[in-house]
Amino acid sequence: MMHTIYLTEKDYERLHTLVQVHRLENNRFAVEALGSALKRAKVVPTEEIPEDAVTMNSLIRLKEMSSQTEMELSVVYPKDADLSQRKISVLAPVGTAILGCRVGDEVQWPTPKGARTYKVMDIMYQPEAAGDLYL
């Protein structure tokens, strides 16, 4: 299911640069999914991003639909990724999958044990909604 994803102009520019750099380093596979997500994103001015959209550095609550397990995580740039703090790189499959989604959206991604479906339950913190426009 390919729903519309929303990105701020700033996130789009930074992520586009990230994709270009990885492609130059022959790390194309790592950015393939992100590259195609950027192509289908609806890019909006930072002030107009919906408050229920997952942006870079947002803290969100996800529910894994088969087990009903909930988890909180943030989608961050690769340099800020830290699993112990549940900061997931935007280049990780889950990071790419949920970026730009809105509360209520479901995303699927493959795992070694088969595809899993996650639902975006809540956004506890979104930098743009909080007025933190320079993260």
N, C-alpha and C. Protein backbone atom coordinates (compact mmCIF):
# COMPACT_ATOMS: atom_id res chain seq x y z
N MET A 1 0.86 -1.19 0.00
CA MET A 1 0.00 0.00 0.00
C MET A 1 0.90 1.24 0.00
N MET A 2 0.79 2.04 -1.02
CA MET A 2 1.64 3.22 -1.14
C MET A 2 0.83 4.48 -0.85
N HIS A 3 0.70 4.83 0.43
CA HIS A 3 -0.02 6.05 0.76
C HIS A 3 0.91 7.25 0.59
N THR A 4 0.31 8.42 0.53
CA THR A 4 1.11 9.64 0.40
C THR A 4 1.93 9.84 1.66
N ILE A 5 3.19 10.18 1.47
CA ILE A 5 4.00 10.54 2.63
C ILE A 5 4.32 12.03 2.56
N TYR A 6 4.44 12.66 3.71
CA TYR A 6 4.65 14.10 3.80
C TYR A 6 6.04 14.39 4.35
N LEU A 7 6.76 15.27 3.68
CA LEU A 7 8.07 15.69 4.14
C LEU A 7 8.16 17.21 4.11
N THR A 8 8.90 17.76 5.07
CA THR A 8 9.15 19.20 5.02
C THR A 8 10.22 19.45 3.95
N GLU A 9 10.25 20.66 3.44
CA GLU A 9 11.25 21.02 2.43
C GLU A 9 12.66 20.76 2.97
N LYS A 10 12.89 21.12 4.23
CA LYS A 10 14.22 20.97 4.85
C LYS A 10 14.61 19.49 4.95
N ASP A 11 13.68 18.65 5.45
CA ASP A 11 13.98 17.22 5.54
C ASP A 11 14.24 16.65 4.15
N TYR A 12 13.42 17.06 3.18
CA TYR A 12 13.58 16.54 1.83
C TYR A 12 14.98 16.87 1.29
N GLU A 13 15.40 18.12 1.46
CA GLU A 13 16.72 18.53 0.95
C GLU A 13 17.84 17.73 1.62
N ARG A 14 17.77 17.60 2.95
CA ARG A 14 18.81 16.87 3.69
C ARG A 14 18.83 15.40 3.28
N LEU A 15 17.65 14.80 3.16
CA LEU A 15 17.57 13.38 2.82
C LEU A 15 18.02 13.13 1.38
N HIS A 16 17.69 14.06 0.50
CA HIS A 16 18.11 13.94 -0.90
C HIS A 16 19.64 13.96 -0.97
N THR A 17 20.26 14.83 -0.20
CA THR A 17 21.73 14.90 -0.13
C THR A 17 22.30 13.59 0.42
N LEU A 18 21.66 13.07 1.47
CA LEU A 18 22.09 11.81 2.07
C LEU A 18 22.08 10.68 1.03
N VAL A 19 21.02 10.61 0.25
CA VAL A 19 20.90 9.59 -0.80
C VAL A 19 22.02 9.76 -1.83
N GLN A 20 22.27 11.01 -2.25
CA GLN A 20 23.31 11.27 -3.26
C GLN A 20 24.68 10.84 -2.74
N VAL A 21 24.99 11.18 -1.50
CA VAL A 21 26.29 10.84 -0.92
C VAL A 21 26.47 9.32 -0.88
N HIS A 22 25.44 8.60 -0.42
CA HIS A 22 25.53 7.14 -0.34
C HIS A 22 25.69 6.52 -1.73
N ARG A 23 25.02 7.09 -2.72
CA ARG A 23 25.16 6.56 -4.07
C ARG A 23 26.59 6.75 -4.58
N LEU A 24 27.19 7.89 -4.25
CA LEU A 24 28.57 8.15 -4.66
C LEU A 24 29.54 7.18 -3.98
N GLU A 25 29.18 6.75 -2.76
CA GLU A 25 30.05 5.83 -2.02
C GLU A 25 29.74 4.37 -2.38
N ASN A 26 29.00 4.18 -3.49
CA ASN A 26 28.62 2.83 -3.91
C ASN A 26 27.86 2.07 -2.82
N ASN A 27 27.07 2.80 -2.10
CA ASN A 27 26.25 2.19 -1.06
C ASN A 27 24.79 2.29 -1.49
N ARG A 28 24.57 2.08 -2.76
CA ARG A 28 23.25 2.28 -3.38
C ARG A 28 22.15 1.48 -2.68
N PHE A 29 22.43 0.23 -2.32
CA PHE A 29 21.38 -0.61 -1.74
C PHE A 29 20.82 0.01 -0.47
N ALA A 30 21.68 0.61 0.35
CA ALA A 30 21.24 1.19 1.62
C ALA A 30 20.24 2.33 1.44
N VAL A 31 20.31 3.01 0.31
CA VAL A 31 19.44 4.18 0.12
C VAL A 31 18.36 3.98 -0.94
N GLU A 32 18.28 2.78 -1.49
CA GLU A 32 17.30 2.53 -2.56
C GLU A 32 15.87 2.84 -2.12
N ALA A 33 15.47 2.30 -0.97
CA ALA A 33 14.10 2.49 -0.48
C ALA A 33 13.84 3.96 -0.16
N LEU A 34 14.82 4.60 0.47
CA LEU A 34 14.66 6.02 0.80
C LEU A 34 14.55 6.86 -0.47
N GLY A 35 15.37 6.54 -1.46
CA GLY A 35 15.30 7.26 -2.74
C GLY A 35 13.93 7.17 -3.37
N SER A 36 13.33 5.98 -3.36
CA SER A 36 12.01 5.86 -3.97
C SER A 36 10.94 6.53 -3.10
N ALA A 37 11.13 6.54 -1.77
CA ALA A 37 10.19 7.25 -0.90
C ALA A 37 10.23 8.75 -1.20
N LEU A 38 11.43 9.29 -1.41
CA LEU A 38 11.56 10.72 -1.71
C LEU A 38 10.84 11.07 -3.01
N LYS A 39 10.90 10.15 -3.98
CA LYS A 39 10.26 10.42 -5.27
C LYS A 39 8.75 10.56 -5.15
N ARG A 40 8.15 9.83 -4.20
CA ARG A 40 6.69 9.89 -4.10
C ARG A 40 6.19 10.80 -2.97
N ALA A 41 7.12 11.47 -2.29
CA ALA A 41 6.73 12.31 -1.15
C ALA A 41 6.05 13.59 -1.61
N LYS A 42 5.12 14.05 -0.80
CA LYS A 42 4.52 15.37 -0.98
C LYS A 42 5.34 16.31 -0.12
N VAL A 43 6.10 17.20 -0.76
CA VAL A 43 6.99 18.10 -0.03
C VAL A 43 6.24 19.40 0.25
N VAL A 44 6.22 19.78 1.51
CA VAL A 44 5.48 20.98 1.91
C VAL A 44 6.39 21.89 2.74
N PRO A 45 6.08 23.20 2.76
CA PRO A 45 6.86 24.10 3.62
C PRO A 45 6.78 23.61 5.07
N THR A 46 7.87 23.79 5.80
CA THR A 46 7.95 23.32 7.18
C THR A 46 6.74 23.73 8.01
N GLU A 47 6.29 24.97 7.85
CA GLU A 47 5.18 25.48 8.67
C GLU A 47 3.86 24.78 8.32
N GLU A 48 3.80 24.10 7.18
CA GLU A 48 2.54 23.50 6.73
C GLU A 48 2.49 21.99 6.89
N ILE A 49 3.52 21.40 7.51
CA ILE A 49 3.52 19.94 7.66
C ILE A 49 2.40 19.55 8.63
N PRO A 50 1.59 18.54 8.29
CA PRO A 50 0.53 18.13 9.23
C PRO A 50 1.14 17.69 10.56
N GLU A 51 0.47 18.03 11.66
CA GLU A 51 1.00 17.69 12.99
C GLU A 51 0.99 16.20 13.25
N ASP A 52 0.23 15.44 12.45
CA ASP A 52 0.19 13.98 12.66
C ASP A 52 1.06 13.22 11.66
N ALA A 53 2.02 13.94 11.04
CA ALA A 53 2.94 13.30 10.10
C ALA A 53 4.28 13.04 10.78
N VAL A 54 4.86 11.88 10.49
CA VAL A 54 6.17 11.51 11.05
C VAL A 54 7.26 12.25 10.28
N THR A 55 7.94 13.18 10.95
CA THR A 55 9.05 13.91 10.34
C THR A 55 10.35 13.44 10.98
N MET A 56 11.47 13.89 10.44
CA MET A 56 12.76 13.54 11.03
C MET A 56 12.79 14.02 12.49
N ASN A 57 13.31 13.19 13.38
CA ASN A 57 13.44 13.46 14.81
C ASN A 57 12.12 13.41 15.58
N SER A 58 11.04 12.94 14.93
CA SER A 58 9.78 12.76 15.65
C SER A 58 9.89 11.55 16.57
N LEU A 59 9.21 11.62 17.72
CA LEU A 59 9.10 10.48 18.63
C LEU A 59 7.70 9.90 18.43
N ILE A 60 7.66 8.63 18.04
CA ILE A 60 6.36 8.04 17.71
C ILE A 60 6.13 6.74 18.47
N ARG A 61 4.85 6.36 18.53
CA ARG A 61 4.47 5.07 19.10
C ARG A 61 3.92 4.20 17.98
N LEU A 62 4.52 3.03 17.84
CA LEU A 62 4.10 2.07 16.82
C LEU A 62 3.49 0.85 17.50
N LYS A 63 2.55 0.20 16.81
CA LYS A 63 2.01 -1.07 17.31
C LYS A 63 2.26 -2.13 16.25
N GLU A 64 2.87 -3.23 16.67
CA GLU A 64 3.05 -4.37 15.77
C GLU A 64 1.73 -5.13 15.81
N MET A 65 1.08 -5.26 14.64
CA MET A 65 -0.31 -5.67 14.61
C MET A 65 -0.56 -7.14 14.99
N SER A 66 0.35 -8.05 14.69
CA SER A 66 0.06 -9.45 15.02
C SER A 66 0.23 -9.72 16.51
N SER A 67 1.23 -9.11 17.14
CA SER A 67 1.46 -9.35 18.58
C SER A 67 0.80 -8.28 19.46
N GLN A 68 0.37 -7.18 18.83
CA GLN A 68 -0.19 -6.03 19.57
C GLN A 68 0.84 -5.36 20.46
N THR A 69 2.13 -5.63 20.22
CA THR A 69 3.20 -5.01 21.00
C THR A 69 3.38 -3.57 20.57
N GLU A 70 3.51 -2.67 21.54
CA GLU A 70 3.75 -1.26 21.20
C GLU A 70 5.19 -0.89 21.53
N MET A 71 5.74 0.03 20.75
CA MET A 71 7.10 0.51 20.99
C MET A 71 7.16 1.98 20.65
N GLU A 72 8.09 2.67 21.29
CA GLU A 72 8.33 4.07 20.96
C GLU A 72 9.69 4.16 20.31
N LEU A 73 9.78 5.01 19.29
CA LEU A 73 11.07 5.22 18.64
C LEU A 73 11.09 6.57 17.95
N SER A 74 12.30 7.02 17.64
CA SER A 74 12.50 8.26 16.89
C SER A 74 13.19 7.90 15.58
N VAL A 75 12.82 8.61 14.51
CA VAL A 75 13.49 8.45 13.22
C VAL A 75 14.53 9.56 13.11
N VAL A 76 15.81 9.17 12.96
CA VAL A 76 16.89 10.14 12.99
C VAL A 76 17.83 9.95 11.80
N TYR A 77 18.70 10.93 11.60
CA TYR A 77 19.74 10.81 10.58
C TYR A 77 20.74 9.75 11.04
N PRO A 78 21.41 9.07 10.09
CA PRO A 78 22.31 7.96 10.46
C PRO A 78 23.32 8.31 11.55
N LYS A 79 23.87 9.51 11.53
CA LYS A 79 24.88 9.88 12.52
C LYS A 79 24.31 9.93 13.94
N ASP A 80 22.98 10.08 14.08
CA ASP A 80 22.34 10.19 15.39
C ASP A 80 21.73 8.87 15.86
N ALA A 81 21.80 7.83 15.02
CA ALA A 81 21.16 6.56 15.35
C ALA A 81 21.78 5.95 16.61
N ASP A 82 20.94 5.44 17.50
CA ASP A 82 21.40 4.82 18.74
C ASP A 82 20.28 3.89 19.22
N LEU A 83 20.46 2.60 18.97
CA LEU A 83 19.39 1.65 19.32
C LEU A 83 19.08 1.64 20.81
N SER A 84 20.08 1.88 21.66
CA SER A 84 19.84 1.86 23.11
C SER A 84 18.88 2.98 23.52
N GLN A 85 18.84 4.05 22.71
CA GLN A 85 17.91 5.14 22.99
C GLN A 85 16.70 5.10 22.05
N ARG A 86 16.55 3.98 21.33
CA ARG A 86 15.46 3.78 20.37
C ARG A 86 15.43 4.88 19.30
N LYS A 87 16.64 5.30 18.88
CA LYS A 87 16.77 6.24 17.78
C LYS A 87 17.15 5.44 16.55
N ILE A 88 16.22 5.34 15.61
CA ILE A 88 16.38 4.47 14.44
C ILE A 88 16.77 5.31 13.23
N SER A 89 17.80 4.87 12.52
CA SER A 89 18.25 5.58 11.32
C SER A 89 17.17 5.57 10.26
N VAL A 90 17.05 6.68 9.56
CA VAL A 90 16.11 6.77 8.45
C VAL A 90 16.49 5.78 7.34
N LEU A 91 17.74 5.31 7.34
CA LEU A 91 18.16 4.32 6.34
C LEU A 91 17.79 2.89 6.74
N ALA A 92 17.43 2.66 7.99
CA ALA A 92 16.96 1.33 8.41
C ALA A 92 15.59 1.10 7.78
N PRO A 93 15.25 -0.15 7.45
CA PRO A 93 13.96 -0.40 6.79
C PRO A 93 12.77 0.21 7.53
N VAL A 94 12.75 0.09 8.87
CA VAL A 94 11.62 0.65 9.63
C VAL A 94 11.62 2.18 9.54
N GLY A 95 12.80 2.78 9.59
CA GLY A 95 12.89 4.24 9.51
C GLY A 95 12.35 4.77 8.19
N THR A 96 12.79 4.13 7.10
CA THR A 96 12.31 4.54 5.78
C THR A 96 10.82 4.30 5.66
N ALA A 97 10.33 3.17 6.20
CA ALA A 97 8.92 2.80 6.05
C ALA A 97 7.98 3.79 6.74
N ILE A 98 8.36 4.29 7.91
CA ILE A 98 7.42 5.15 8.65
C ILE A 98 7.60 6.63 8.39
N LEU A 99 8.73 7.04 7.80
CA LEU A 99 8.95 8.46 7.54
C LEU A 99 7.83 9.01 6.66
N GLY A 100 7.23 10.11 7.09
CA GLY A 100 6.20 10.75 6.28
C GLY A 100 4.82 10.17 6.45
N CYS A 101 4.70 9.06 7.20
CA CYS A 101 3.38 8.48 7.46
C CYS A 101 2.62 9.36 8.44
N ARG A 102 1.32 9.11 8.53
CA ARG A 102 0.49 9.85 9.47
C ARG A 102 -0.10 8.91 10.50
N VAL A 103 -0.54 9.45 11.62
CA VAL A 103 -1.16 8.64 12.66
C VAL A 103 -2.32 7.87 12.02
N GLY A 104 -2.36 6.57 12.30
CA GLY A 104 -3.40 5.71 11.74
C GLY A 104 -2.92 4.92 10.53
N ASP A 105 -1.83 5.37 9.88
CA ASP A 105 -1.29 4.64 8.73
C ASP A 105 -0.69 3.32 9.20
N GLU A 106 -0.78 2.32 8.32
CA GLU A 106 -0.12 1.05 8.58
C GLU A 106 0.97 0.87 7.54
N VAL A 107 2.10 0.34 7.98
CA VAL A 107 3.21 0.06 7.06
C VAL A 107 3.63 -1.39 7.24
N GLN A 108 4.17 -1.94 6.17
CA GLN A 108 4.63 -3.32 6.21
C GLN A 108 6.07 -3.34 5.82
N TRP A 109 6.87 -4.16 6.47
CA TRP A 109 8.22 -4.35 5.99
C TRP A 109 8.67 -5.76 6.30
N PRO A 110 9.57 -6.28 5.47
CA PRO A 110 10.02 -7.65 5.63
C PRO A 110 10.98 -7.80 6.81
N THR A 111 10.88 -8.91 7.50
CA THR A 111 11.83 -9.28 8.53
C THR A 111 12.26 -10.71 8.23
N PRO A 112 13.31 -11.18 8.89
CA PRO A 112 13.73 -12.57 8.64
C PRO A 112 12.60 -13.58 8.89
N LYS A 113 11.64 -13.22 9.76
CA LYS A 113 10.53 -14.14 10.07
C LYS A 113 9.28 -13.82 9.27
N GLY A 114 9.42 -13.06 8.19
CA GLY A 114 8.25 -12.72 7.36
C GLY A 114 7.85 -11.28 7.54
N ALA A 115 6.95 -10.82 6.67
CA ALA A 115 6.53 -9.41 6.71
C ALA A 115 5.76 -9.12 7.98
N ARG A 116 6.01 -7.96 8.54
CA ARG A 116 5.27 -7.50 9.72
C ARG A 116 4.54 -6.21 9.38
N THR A 117 3.41 -6.04 10.01
CA THR A 117 2.62 -4.83 9.81
C THR A 117 2.63 -4.02 11.10
N TYR A 118 2.94 -2.73 10.95
CA TYR A 118 2.97 -1.82 12.09
C TYR A 118 2.00 -0.67 11.82
N LYS A 119 1.39 -0.19 12.87
CA LYS A 119 0.48 0.94 12.76
C LYS A 119 1.05 2.11 13.55
N VAL A 120 1.03 3.30 12.95
CA VAL A 120 1.47 4.51 13.66
C VAL A 120 0.32 4.91 14.59
N MET A 121 0.55 4.75 15.90
CA MET A 121 -0.51 4.98 16.89
C MET A 121 -0.56 6.44 17.35
N ASP A 122 0.63 7.04 17.51
CA ASP A 122 0.66 8.37 18.10
C ASP A 122 2.01 9.02 17.78
N ILE A 123 2.00 10.34 17.72
CA ILE A 123 3.25 11.09 17.63
C ILE A 123 3.33 11.92 18.91
N MET A 124 4.26 11.52 19.79
CA MET A 124 4.39 12.21 21.07
C MET A 124 5.15 13.52 20.93
N TYR A 125 6.02 13.55 19.91
CA TYR A 125 6.82 14.77 19.70
C TYR A 125 7.11 14.88 18.21
N GLN A 126 6.78 16.01 17.65
CA GLN A 126 7.16 16.32 16.27
C GLN A 126 7.83 17.69 16.31
N PRO A 127 9.10 17.78 15.88
CA PRO A 127 9.84 19.05 16.00
C PRO A 127 9.08 20.25 15.45
N GLU A 128 8.46 20.08 14.28
CA GLU A 128 7.78 21.23 13.64
C GLU A 128 6.60 21.69 14.48
N ALA A 129 5.80 20.75 15.00
CA ALA A 129 4.65 21.11 15.82
C ALA A 129 5.08 21.77 17.12
N ALA A 130 6.26 21.36 17.61
CA ALA A 130 6.78 21.91 18.87
C ALA A 130 7.51 23.24 18.67
N GLY A 131 7.65 23.64 17.40
CA GLY A 131 8.34 24.89 17.12
C GLY A 131 9.85 24.75 17.05
N ASP A 132 10.34 23.50 17.08
CA ASP A 132 11.79 23.25 16.99
C ASP A 132 12.17 23.08 15.52
N LEU A 133 12.23 24.19 14.80
CA LEU A 133 12.36 24.11 13.35
C LEU A 133 13.79 23.91 12.86
N TYR A 134 14.74 23.88 13.76
CA TYR A 134 16.14 23.83 13.29
C TYR A 134 16.87 22.56 13.68
N LEU A 135 16.13 21.49 14.00
CA LEU A 135 16.77 20.21 14.33
C LEU A 135 17.37 19.58 13.09
